[in-house]
Protein backbone atom coordinates (compact mmCIF):
# COMPACT_ATOMS: atom_id res chain seq x y z
CA MET A 1 185.59 150.06 28.45
CA LYS A 2 189.02 148.63 29.23
CA VAL A 3 191.26 150.69 31.46
CA ALA A 4 194.95 150.34 32.39
CA ILE A 5 195.47 149.79 36.10
CA PRO A 6 198.98 149.64 37.61
CA PHE A 7 199.45 146.29 39.35
CA ARG A 8 200.81 147.97 42.48
CA VAL A 9 197.44 149.61 43.28
CA ILE A 10 195.37 146.43 42.95
CA GLN A 11 194.34 144.76 46.22
CA HIS A 12 193.58 141.03 46.32
CA ASN A 13 190.59 140.38 48.58
CA ILE A 14 189.08 137.19 49.97
CA THR A 15 185.43 137.56 50.94
CA PRO A 16 182.71 135.12 52.00
CA GLU A 17 181.54 135.24 48.35
CA GLY A 18 185.02 134.34 47.04
CA GLU A 19 188.14 136.11 45.81
CA GLU A 20 188.09 139.50 44.11
CA ILE A 21 190.35 142.40 43.27
CA VAL A 22 189.75 145.97 44.44
CA PHE A 23 191.31 148.95 42.69
CA PRO A 24 190.97 152.70 42.18
CA TYR A 25 190.30 154.26 38.81
CA GLY A 26 190.05 158.03 38.65
CA ASP A 27 188.28 159.16 41.81
CA ARG A 28 186.25 155.94 42.13
CA TRP A 29 186.88 152.45 43.47
CA TYR A 30 185.89 149.17 41.85
CA ARG A 31 185.86 145.49 42.67
CA CYS A 32 185.99 142.64 40.20
CA PRO A 33 185.38 138.93 40.80
CA ILE A 34 188.50 136.85 40.36
CA SER A 35 186.85 134.85 37.58
CA LYS A 36 186.71 138.02 35.42
CA VAL A 37 190.30 139.15 36.03
CA PRO A 38 192.72 138.98 33.04
CA GLU A 39 195.45 136.31 33.02
CA LYS A 40 198.18 138.99 33.14
CA TYR A 41 197.11 139.84 36.70
CA PHE A 42 197.80 136.27 37.81
CA LYS A 43 201.23 136.27 36.19
CA LEU A 44 202.16 139.52 37.93
CA ARG A 45 200.72 138.22 41.23
CA ASP A 46 202.79 135.03 40.94
CA VAL A 47 205.94 137.11 40.47
CA TYR A 48 204.95 139.38 43.37
CA LEU A 49 204.33 136.43 45.72
CA TRP A 50 207.63 134.86 44.68
CA ILE A 51 209.61 138.07 45.27
CA GLU A 52 207.83 139.36 48.38
CA GLU A 53 206.91 136.16 50.20
CA GLY A 54 209.15 133.50 48.68
CA LYS A 55 206.12 131.51 47.54
CA THR A 56 206.41 129.32 44.50
CA VAL A 57 203.50 128.61 42.22
CA ASN A 58 202.56 125.69 40.02
CA ARG A 59 202.49 127.86 36.90
CA ILE A 60 205.72 128.60 35.09
CA VAL A 61 206.19 132.36 34.85
CA ARG A 62 208.45 133.95 32.27
CA LEU A 63 209.51 137.50 32.94
CA ASN A 64 209.53 140.04 30.14
CA LEU A 65 211.05 143.12 31.70
CA ASN A 66 210.11 145.25 28.71
CA VAL A 67 206.43 144.96 29.61
CA PRO A 68 205.15 147.48 32.18
CA PRO A 69 203.22 146.03 35.14
CA ILE A 70 199.86 147.28 33.86
CA VAL A 71 196.68 145.20 33.85
CA GLU A 72 193.89 146.10 31.41
CA ILE A 73 190.55 145.57 33.16
CA ASP A 74 187.11 145.83 31.60
CA LEU A 75 185.10 148.15 33.88
CA GLU A 76 181.87 146.62 32.59
CA GLU A 77 182.86 143.43 34.45
CA CYS A 78 183.35 145.37 37.70
CA GLU A 79 181.16 146.90 40.36
CA GLU A 80 181.73 150.41 41.70
CA ILE A 81 182.21 150.52 45.49
CA THR A 82 182.75 153.14 48.18
CA GLU A 83 186.15 154.13 49.56
CA THR A 84 185.17 152.58 52.88
CA TYR A 85 184.69 149.13 51.33
CA PRO A 86 186.67 146.61 53.38
CA ILE A 87 190.08 145.75 51.98
């Protein structure tokens, strides 16, 4: 089941196992390995890093301001976690 998650609520985590994203959906929290994250997340993250931190990326990013910053994530690719999971 794919769900729409606002980019602003997604946390990017680096763990000993590798990178992942952590996000709320409803009253539950989920984590998803970075290898299963949709490409749109990376485009939005590149823009975020450029705006917030002045970082440039190797990928060319084209902005389409008519597209809301929503990432569709397949919950079947994610693992449910507790609210106290480290972020």
